[in-house]
Amino acid sequence: MNPSQNFMNESQNMPENQNREAIEARQLLRLQDLLKEVSTANPFWRNKWEGHGITPESIQNRSDLQKLPVTTKSELVEDHLSHPPYGSNLTYAVENYTRMHQTSGTTGSPMRWLDTKASWDWFGECWAQIYRMVGLYPEDRLFFPFSFGPFVGFWAAFEGATRLGHFCLAGGGMGSEARLRMILDNHITAICCTPTYALRLAEVAEAENINLAASRVRALIVAGEPGGNIAATKLRIGQAWGARVFDHWGMTEIGALGIEPLESPGSLNILETECIAEIVNPDTLQPVERGEQGELIITNLGRVGSPLIRYRTGDLVSEDTTACPSGRSLLRLKGGILGRADDMVIIRGNNVFPSSLEAILRTFDQVAEYRIEVHMIRSMQHMKIELEPIGSLTTEEQQKQLVVEVSNAIKDRLNFNAEVTTVAPGALPRFELKGRRFFKID
């Protein structure tokens, strides 16, 4: 039996393939163990729950979880400021922690997050499930083009892959041209990066006359920003690389907990083997009806050293109530992450998310990069979009035509007029990790 066939047979018995009853039993047992461990030993949770009458014994089923108060990002930031440098969400003495990573600071001040060896092993187990769900084989060779700094990035993805026995190549500390050469010379078949950087590598490859579609790369797992769940962006990446693009979801503070499965393009499976997910009305915090849009709340179950319990992610999602073609019983999100509640702006009475704009702008092959600014004019939100045309779009007439076409597409799809302009080639920044293209100007 070849390694791939043996791997496929073994994966049938993995946690992510358990039936619903087994998954929920696993969740409840791990939740009760977690609460028992942190209720007295972890000062953050002990202080948060003080006065709520919460004891581990009061949680007898999954629905009892709603007895616990939700947790917000602002609480975590305040706790880190009050208890520097790591905050008080530590179940054990600091000497027991072996890893430190910090958030990117995209939505606020960076937070430092500690992991024990056991918690970091759990992070790696999440990635093992992710790799199986996208259909990687033992012989797949992985490349990780990120800086390997304190941002968690793909650190756990890298170490999770090495534990599975994959060939893993770190791409920190080098330019895009050198990274492309490493990909080709080492016969890489799978890449983990942000959608922005997948597009950047494709841009550099085109300038260097490198045919990425002819390489051995067959899969890209993208994360860290919208794009992996935006059809136009995925199409552009997939065509440039001649490969399948998989969307992944996670956060520094909660772990790697979502993946687009091989069998169901355009959806996202939540690793309910490793967490409990709730979808609630953002205003009332009550569960929404199945299939309705709401905010995703997560309780991670394996990061006992620094867990998050009923954490408001700020991500808006909708459960897909149809059966997953993979046959798995995991929560399935239709269209993945639909947007972030804190990113929404109201333009002329229309609710607009950055991802909605990207879905339009990425359909124009003539747009190499873009930047969006929202600011107030006469008490109304005004949106300005700067487009950087591709190098071949050199004449003023061509650029004017692009502005007209983009403006009309936004008007047709989103029902408002945006100020659209062009900038010189190379004027807008390029990004290795998360791309920052959306700005709210006070």
Foldseek 3Di string as FASTA:
>chain_A
DDQLVVVVVVCCPDPQFDAPVVLQVLLLVLVLVLQQQQCPQQVVNVVQCPPLPDHSVQCPGPVSLVSHDADEPVSQVVQCVVDPDAGRLFSDPPVQWDAWAWFPQPPHDIHIHTFGPQLLVVLLVLLVVQCVQAPDTQAAAEEEQDAPDRHCQCVSNQVSNVVSVHHYYYNHPDDLVVSVVVCQVVQHAEYEAALQVLLVSLVVCVVVVHQLLPGNHAEYEHEDDPQLLQVLSQVVSCVSNVYHYKYWDDGPQAHTFWIDGNQHPQKIFGNSSFKDKAFAAPVPRHGDPAFDKGWIFIWGRRRSRRTHRRYGPQFIWHWDPDQGPVSGPTTMTHSYGPAGPVQWDAAPNFTDGPSVLCSLVSNDPQFSDKAKEWEDDPNGIAIEMETEGPPVQPDPVSQVVVQVVSQVSCCVPGVDGHHYYYDYHPPDDGDRHDDHRYYYDD
